[in-house]
């Protein structure tokens, strides 16, 4: 359901004792934008947050970057940020500057208008080999981005890859089946609607 949080409420949460104990925080479907996430990121406290759900908001790369650079996010394992503002052009500084991504195991950026160029940048980041699950549904990803993904260290660690609703052709699938799988071979692959 829709909440009526704003930057004031999130800043209060960020500076409270409660934030240091939360392991799961769900702020989905709350009409949040970049300024709201920046307010939450002002927390001076280190937390134990393992899962963050911020899907179906209006959060772009600025808000996401500010939040992930916060001390609250250093223990983050799962980020579900699908159905947000386009972050495609802002993904490179996001993945280069975010220490939170180093412990990330599950990333959902479905319907965030990632595109090929942003995906190529993302899969070259040093943290991608830690991912176990990656959801990039409906992001206008074509063969260029998909082939970069399957040739990256990311694929060797993935057990789940969701890529439905993109534009992957037979060339992309051929690239996928020709790579050597890593130690945690892919067990779930969703490519429908390509």
C-alpha atoms as a PDB file:
ATOM      1  CA  UNK A   1       0.000   0.000   0.000  1.00  0.00           C
ATOM      2  CA  UNK A   2       1.034   3.615  -0.509  1.00  0.00           C
ATOM      3  CA  UNK A   3       2.667   5.338   2.443  1.00  0.00           C
ATOM      4  CA  UNK A   4       2.982   9.071   2.831  1.00  0.00           C
ATOM      5  CA  UNK A   5       6.618   9.236   3.914  1.00  0.00           C
ATOM      6  CA  UNK A   6       8.677  12.247   3.067  1.00  0.00           C
ATOM      7  CA  UNK A   7      12.208  13.435   3.657  1.00  0.00           C
ATOM      8  CA  UNK A   8      11.347  14.600   7.197  1.00  0.00           C
ATOM      9  CA  UNK A   9      10.035  11.187   8.261  1.00  0.00           C
ATOM     10  CA  UNK A  10      12.928   9.343   6.658  1.00  0.00           C
ATOM     11  CA  UNK A  11      15.485  11.671   8.259  1.00  0.00           C
ATOM     12  CA  UNK A  12      13.872  10.946  11.658  1.00  0.00           C
ATOM     13  CA  UNK A  13      14.140   7.202  10.982  1.00  0.00           C
ATOM     14  CA  UNK A  14      17.752   7.599   9.842  1.00  0.00           C
ATOM     15  CA  UNK A  15      18.756   9.259  13.105  1.00  0.00           C
ATOM     16  CA  UNK A  16      16.812   6.938  15.407  1.00  0.00           C
ATOM     17  CA  UNK A  17      18.065   4.001  17.455  1.00  0.00           C
ATOM     18  CA  UNK A  18      15.583   1.797  15.572  1.00  0.00           C
ATOM     19  CA  UNK A  19      17.560   2.037  12.325  1.00  0.00           C
ATOM     20  CA  UNK A  20      20.549   0.296  13.945  1.00  0.00           C
ATOM     21  CA  UNK A  21      18.459  -2.838  14.628  1.00  0.00           C
ATOM     22  CA  UNK A  22      16.523  -3.205  11.372  1.00  0.00           C
ATOM     23  CA  UNK A  23      17.589  -6.109   9.164  1.00  0.00           C
ATOM     24  CA  UNK A  24      14.817  -5.627   6.577  1.00  0.00           C
ATOM     25  CA  UNK A  25      13.404  -2.289   5.463  1.00  0.00           C
ATOM     26  CA  UNK A  26      10.525  -2.107   2.990  1.00  0.00           C
ATOM     27  CA  UNK A  27       9.729   1.345   1.617  1.00  0.00           C
ATOM     28  CA  UNK A  28       8.077   0.110  -1.561  1.00  0.00           C
ATOM     29  CA  UNK A  29       5.109   1.840  -3.163  1.00  0.00           C
ATOM     30  CA  UNK A  30       5.656   4.954  -1.052  1.00  0.00           C
ATOM     31  CA  UNK A  31       5.982   7.715  -3.681  1.00  0.00           C
ATOM     32  CA  UNK A  32       9.621   8.228  -2.695  1.00  0.00           C
ATOM     33  CA  UNK A  33      12.029  10.233  -4.829  1.00  0.00           C
ATOM     34  CA  UNK A  34      15.719  11.049  -4.790  1.00  0.00           C
ATOM     35  CA  UNK A  35      15.426  13.698  -2.050  1.00  0.00           C
ATOM     36  CA  UNK A  36      13.646  11.232   0.245  1.00  0.00           C
ATOM     37  CA  UNK A  37      16.375   8.621  -0.163  1.00  0.00           C
ATOM     38  CA  UNK A  38      19.036  11.284   0.387  1.00  0.00           C
ATOM     39  CA  UNK A  39      17.342  12.094   3.712  1.00  0.00           C
ATOM     40  CA  UNK A  40      17.519   8.451   4.794  1.00  0.00           C
ATOM     41  CA  UNK A  41      21.166   8.395   3.728  1.00  0.00           C
ATOM     42  CA  UNK A  42      22.013  11.138   6.233  1.00  0.00           C
ATOM     43  CA  UNK A  43      22.164   8.555   8.991  1.00  0.00           C
ATOM     44  CA  UNK A  44      25.481   8.702  10.830  1.00  0.00           C
ATOM     45  CA  UNK A  45      24.840   5.237  12.239  1.00  0.00           C
ATOM     46  CA  UNK A  46      26.029   1.889  11.030  1.00  0.00           C
ATOM     47  CA  UNK A  47      23.241  -0.585  10.691  1.00  0.00           C
ATOM     48  CA  UNK A  48      22.655  -4.287  10.219  1.00  0.00           C
ATOM     49  CA  UNK A  49      20.355  -3.865   7.231  1.00  0.00           C
ATOM     50  CA  UNK A  50      20.456  -6.946   4.998  1.00  0.00           C
ATOM     51  CA  UNK A  51      17.450  -6.362   2.736  1.00  0.00           C
ATOM     52  CA  UNK A  52      16.105  -3.136   1.248  1.00  0.00           C
ATOM     53  CA  UNK A  53      12.901  -2.982  -0.787  1.00  0.00           C
ATOM     54  CA  UNK A  54      12.297   0.311  -2.593  1.00  0.00           C
ATOM     55  CA  UNK A  55      10.386  -0.842  -5.667  1.00  0.00           C
ATOM     56  CA  UNK A  56       7.602   1.123  -7.345  1.00  0.00           C
ATOM     57  CA  UNK A  57       8.769   4.594  -6.356  1.00  0.00           C
ATOM     58  CA  UNK A  58      10.327   7.453  -8.316  1.00  0.00           C
ATOM     59  CA  UNK A  59      13.916   6.932  -7.202  1.00  0.00           C
ATOM     60  CA  UNK A  60      16.694   7.646  -9.696  1.00  0.00           C
ATOM     61  CA  UNK A  61      20.433   7.154  -9.666  1.00  0.00           C
ATOM     62  CA  UNK A  62      21.076  10.177  -7.392  1.00  0.00           C
ATOM     63  CA  UNK A  63      18.921   8.902  -4.544  1.00  0.00           C
ATOM     64  CA  UNK A  64      20.108   5.345  -4.926  1.00  0.00           C
ATOM     65  CA  UNK A  65      23.754   6.394  -4.968  1.00  0.00           C
ATOM     66  CA  UNK A  66      23.367   8.578  -1.845  1.00  0.00           C
ATOM     67  CA  UNK A  67      21.669   5.750   0.013  1.00  0.00           C
ATOM     68  CA  UNK A  68      24.210   3.128  -0.968  1.00  0.00           C
ATOM     69  CA  UNK A  69      27.074   5.355   0.170  1.00  0.00           C
ATOM     70  CA  UNK A  70      25.484   5.621   3.612  1.00  0.00           C
ATOM     71  CA  UNK A  71      26.988   3.662   6.539  1.00  0.00           C
ATOM     72  CA  UNK A  72      23.566   2.036   6.901  1.00  0.00           C
ATOM     73  CA  UNK A  73      24.080  -0.004   3.754  1.00  0.00           C
ATOM     74  CA  UNK A  74      27.448  -1.696   4.388  1.00  0.00           C
ATOM     75  CA  UNK A  75      25.774  -5.013   5.309  1.00  0.00           C
ATOM     76  CA  UNK A  76      23.239  -5.000   2.449  1.00  0.00           C
ATOM     77  CA  UNK A  77      22.706  -8.406   0.783  1.00  0.00           C
ATOM     78  CA  UNK A  78      19.502  -7.823  -1.200  1.00  0.00           C
ATOM     79  CA  UNK A  79      18.329  -4.713  -3.043  1.00  0.00           C
ATOM     80  CA  UNK A  80      14.950  -4.720  -4.783  1.00  0.00           C
ATOM     81  CA  UNK A  81      14.652  -1.417  -6.652  1.00  0.00           C
ATOM     82  CA  UNK A  82      12.536  -2.306  -9.686  1.00  0.00           C
ATOM     83  CA  UNK A  83       9.942   0.010 -11.219  1.00  0.00           C
ATOM     84  CA  UNK A  84      11.751   3.237 -10.408  1.00  0.00           C
ATOM     85  CA  UNK A  85      12.943   6.253 -12.392  1.00  0.00           C
ATOM     86  CA  UNK A  86      15.395   5.625 -15.235  1.00  0.00           C
ATOM     87  CA  UNK A  87      18.899   4.993 -13.892  1.00  0.00           C
ATOM     88  CA  UNK A  88      20.601   3.907 -17.119  1.00  0.00           C
ATOM     89  CA  UNK A  89      22.837   6.947 -17.633  1.00  0.00           C
ATOM     90  CA  UNK A  90      23.640   7.148 -13.917  1.00  0.00           C
ATOM     91  CA  UNK A  91      24.640   3.532 -13.370  1.00  0.00           C
ATOM     92  CA  UNK A  92      28.421   3.880 -13.895  1.00  0.00           C
ATOM     93  CA  UNK A  93      29.129   6.242 -10.970  1.00  0.00           C
ATOM     94  CA  UNK A  94      26.625   4.289  -8.920  1.00  0.00           C
ATOM     95  CA  UNK A  95      28.456   0.973  -9.206  1.00  0.00           C
ATOM     96  CA  UNK A  96      31.921   2.492  -8.963  1.00  0.00           C
ATOM     97  CA  UNK A  97      31.223   4.490  -5.823  1.00  0.00           C
ATOM     98  CA  UNK A  98      29.074   2.150  -3.774  1.00  0.00           C
ATOM     99  CA  UNK A  99      30.762   0.089  -1.055  1.00  0.00           C
ATOM    100  CA  UNK A 100      27.371  -1.452  -0.265  1.00  0.00           C
ATOM    101  CA  UNK A 101      27.475  -3.371  -3.530  1.00  0.00           C
ATOM    102  CA  UNK A 102      30.525  -5.337  -2.353  1.00  0.00           C
ATOM    103  CA  UNK A 103      28.360  -7.546  -0.117  1.00  0.00           C
ATOM    104  CA  UNK A 104      25.335  -7.571  -2.422  1.00  0.00           C
ATOM    105  CA  UNK A 105      24.076 -11.035  -3.382  1.00  0.00           C
ATOM    106  CA  UNK A 106      20.719 -10.207  -4.980  1.00  0.00           C
ATOM    107  CA  UNK A 107      19.969  -7.193  -7.186  1.00  0.00           C
ATOM    108  CA  UNK A 108      16.634  -6.365  -8.819  1.00  0.00           C
ATOM    109  CA  UNK A 109      16.669  -3.403 -11.205  1.00  0.00           C
ATOM    110  CA  UNK A 110      13.746  -4.507 -13.373  1.00  0.00           C
ATOM    111  CA  UNK A 111      12.036  -1.727 -15.372  1.00  0.00           C
ATOM    112  CA  UNK A 112      14.605   0.952 -14.515  1.00  0.00           C
ATOM    113  CA  UNK A 113      15.560   1.625 -18.155  1.00  0.00           C
ATOM    114  CA  UNK A 114      19.073   0.241 -17.765  1.00  0.00           C
ATOM    115  CA  UNK A 115      19.831  -0.358 -21.470  1.00  0.00           C
ATOM    116  CA  UNK A 116      22.934  -1.853 -23.081  1.00  0.00           C
ATOM    117  CA  UNK A 117      25.516   0.825 -22.252  1.00  0.00           C
ATOM    118  CA  UNK A 118      24.657   0.865 -18.555  1.00  0.00           C
ATOM    119  CA  UNK A 119      24.646  -2.933 -18.380  1.00  0.00           C
ATOM    120  CA  UNK A 120      28.087  -3.086 -20.019  1.00  0.00           C
ATOM    121  CA  UNK A 121      29.353  -0.644 -17.366  1.00  0.00           C
ATOM    122  CA  UNK A 122      27.658  -2.548 -14.572  1.00  0.00           C
ATOM    123  CA  UNK A 123      29.083  -5.966 -15.448  1.00  0.00           C
ATOM    124  CA  UNK A 124      32.605  -4.535 -15.478  1.00  0.00           C
ATOM    125  CA  UNK A 125      32.287  -3.465 -11.830  1.00  0.00           C
ATOM    126  CA  UNK A 126      34.374  -5.437  -9.323  1.00  0.00           C
ATOM    127  CA  UNK A 127      31.395  -6.456  -7.165  1.00  0.00           C
ATOM    128  CA  UNK A 128      29.407  -8.340  -9.830  1.00  0.00           C
ATOM    129  CA  UNK A 129      31.103 -11.659  -9.130  1.00  0.00           C
ATOM    130  CA  UNK A 130      29.375 -11.697  -5.702  1.00  0.00           C
ATOM    131  CA  UNK A 131      25.851 -11.702  -7.129  1.00  0.00           C
ATOM    132  CA  UNK A 132      23.769 -14.843  -6.816  1.00  0.00           C
ATOM    133  CA  UNK A 133      20.556 -13.412  -8.328  1.00  0.00           C
ATOM    134  CA  UNK A 134      20.122 -10.653 -10.907  1.00  0.00           C
ATOM    135  CA  UNK A 135      16.823  -9.313 -12.225  1.00  0.00           C
ATOM    136  CA  UNK A 136      16.981  -7.002 -15.243  1.00  0.00           C
ATOM    137  CA  UNK A 137      13.469  -7.534 -16.602  1.00  0.00           C
ATOM    138  CA  UNK A 138      12.074  -5.120 -19.187  1.00  0.00           C
ATOM    139  CA  UNK A 139      15.118  -2.832 -19.486  1.00  0.00           C
ATOM    140  CA  UNK A 140      15.510  -2.510 -23.269  1.00  0.00           C
ATOM    141  CA  UNK A 141      18.596  -4.735 -23.152  1.00  0.00           C
ATOM    142  CA  UNK A 142      19.708  -6.099 -26.500  1.00  0.00           C
ATOM    143  CA  UNK A 143      22.454  -8.478 -27.570  1.00  0.00           C
ATOM    144  CA  UNK A 144      25.287  -6.025 -26.841  1.00  0.00           C
ATOM    145  CA  UNK A 145      24.390  -5.801 -23.146  1.00  0.00           C
ATOM    146  CA  UNK A 146      23.370  -9.434 -22.802  1.00  0.00           C
ATOM    147  CA  UNK A 147      26.590 -10.723 -24.399  1.00  0.00           C
ATOM    148  CA  UNK A 148      28.631  -8.443 -22.111  1.00  0.00           C
ATOM    149  CA  UNK A 149      26.754  -9.961 -19.165  1.00  0.00           C
ATOM    150  CA  UNK A 150      27.318 -13.579 -20.210  1.00  0.00           C
ATOM    151  CA  UNK A 151      31.024 -12.912 -20.814  1.00  0.00           C
ATOM    152  CA  UNK A 152      31.498 -11.185 -17.448  1.00  0.00           C
ATOM    153  CA  UNK A 153      32.492 -12.677 -14.067  1.00  0.00           C
ATOM    154  CA  UNK A 154      28.885 -12.074 -13.019  1.00  0.00           C
ATOM    155  CA  UNK A 155      27.554 -15.074 -14.908  1.00  0.00           C
ATOM    156  CA  UNK A 156      29.954 -17.446 -13.130  1.00  0.00           C
ATOM    157  CA  UNK A 157      28.322 -16.697  -9.764  1.00  0.00           C
ATOM    158  CA  UNK A 158      24.653 -16.414 -10.762  1.00  0.00           C
ATOM    159  CA  UNK A 159      22.125 -19.091  -9.904  1.00  0.00           C
ATOM    160  CA  UNK A 160      19.185 -16.937 -11.037  1.00  0.00           C
ATOM    161  CA  UNK A 161      18.957 -14.554 -14.001  1.00  0.00           C
ATOM    162  CA  UNK A 162      15.740 -12.804 -14.998  1.00  0.00           C
ATOM    163  CA  UNK A 163      15.841 -11.019 -18.345  1.00  0.00           C
ATOM    164  CA  UNK A 164      12.268 -11.197 -19.611  1.00  0.00           C
ATOM    165  CA  UNK A 165      10.847  -8.415 -21.752  1.00  0.00           C
ATOM    166  CA  UNK A 166      14.143  -7.343 -23.298  1.00  0.00           C
ATOM    167  CA  UNK A 167      15.402  -7.761 -26.871  1.00  0.00           C
ATOM    168  CA  UNK A 168      17.813 -10.698 -26.756  1.00  0.00           C
ATOM    169  CA  UNK A 169      18.097 -12.524 -30.079  1.00  0.00           C
ATOM    170  CA  UNK A 170      19.442 -15.916 -31.096  1.00  0.00           C
ATOM    171  CA  UNK A 171      22.951 -14.387 -31.116  1.00  0.00           C
ATOM    172  CA  UNK A 172      22.652 -13.577 -27.423  1.00  0.00           C
ATOM    173  CA  UNK A 173      21.391 -17.060 -26.604  1.00  0.00           C
ATOM    174  CA  UNK A 174      24.227 -18.589 -28.634  1.00  0.00           C
ATOM    175  CA  UNK A 175      26.714 -16.560 -26.570  1.00  0.00           C
ATOM    176  CA  UNK A 176      25.065 -17.813 -23.380  1.00  0.00           C
ATOM    177  CA  UNK A 177      25.209 -21.498 -24.265  1.00  0.00           C
ATOM    178  CA  UNK A 178      28.819 -21.242 -25.430  1.00  0.00           C
ATOM    179  CA  UNK A 179      30.275 -19.878 -22.166  1.00  0.00           C
ATOM    180  CA  UNK A 180      31.722 -22.075 -19.484  1.00  0.00           C
ATOM    181  CA  UNK A 181      29.630 -21.908 -16.330  1.00  0.00           C
ATOM    182  CA  UNK A 182      31.273 -21.146 -13.005  1.00  0.00           C
ATOM    183  CA  UNK A 183      31.162 -22.818  -9.620  1.00  0.00           C
ATOM    184  CA  UNK A 184      27.522 -21.873  -8.990  1.00  0.00           C
ATOM    185  CA  UNK A 185      25.914 -22.764 -12.292  1.00  0.00           C
ATOM    186  CA  UNK A 186      22.789 -20.982 -13.404  1.00  0.00           C
ATOM    187  CA  UNK A 187      19.699 -22.820 -12.154  1.00  0.00           C
ATOM    188  CA  UNK A 188      16.960 -20.327 -13.049  1.00  0.00           C
ATOM    189  CA  UNK A 189      16.845 -18.442 -16.333  1.00  0.00           C
ATOM    190  CA  UNK A 190      13.882 -16.338 -17.450  1.00  0.00           C
ATOM    191  CA  UNK A 191      14.089 -15.033 -20.999  1.00  0.00           C
ATOM    192  CA  UNK A 192      10.460 -14.971 -22.102  1.00  0.00           C
ATOM    193  CA  UNK A 193       9.198 -11.975 -24.041  1.00  0.00           C
ATOM    194  CA  UNK A 194      12.489 -11.324 -25.866  1.00  0.00           C
END
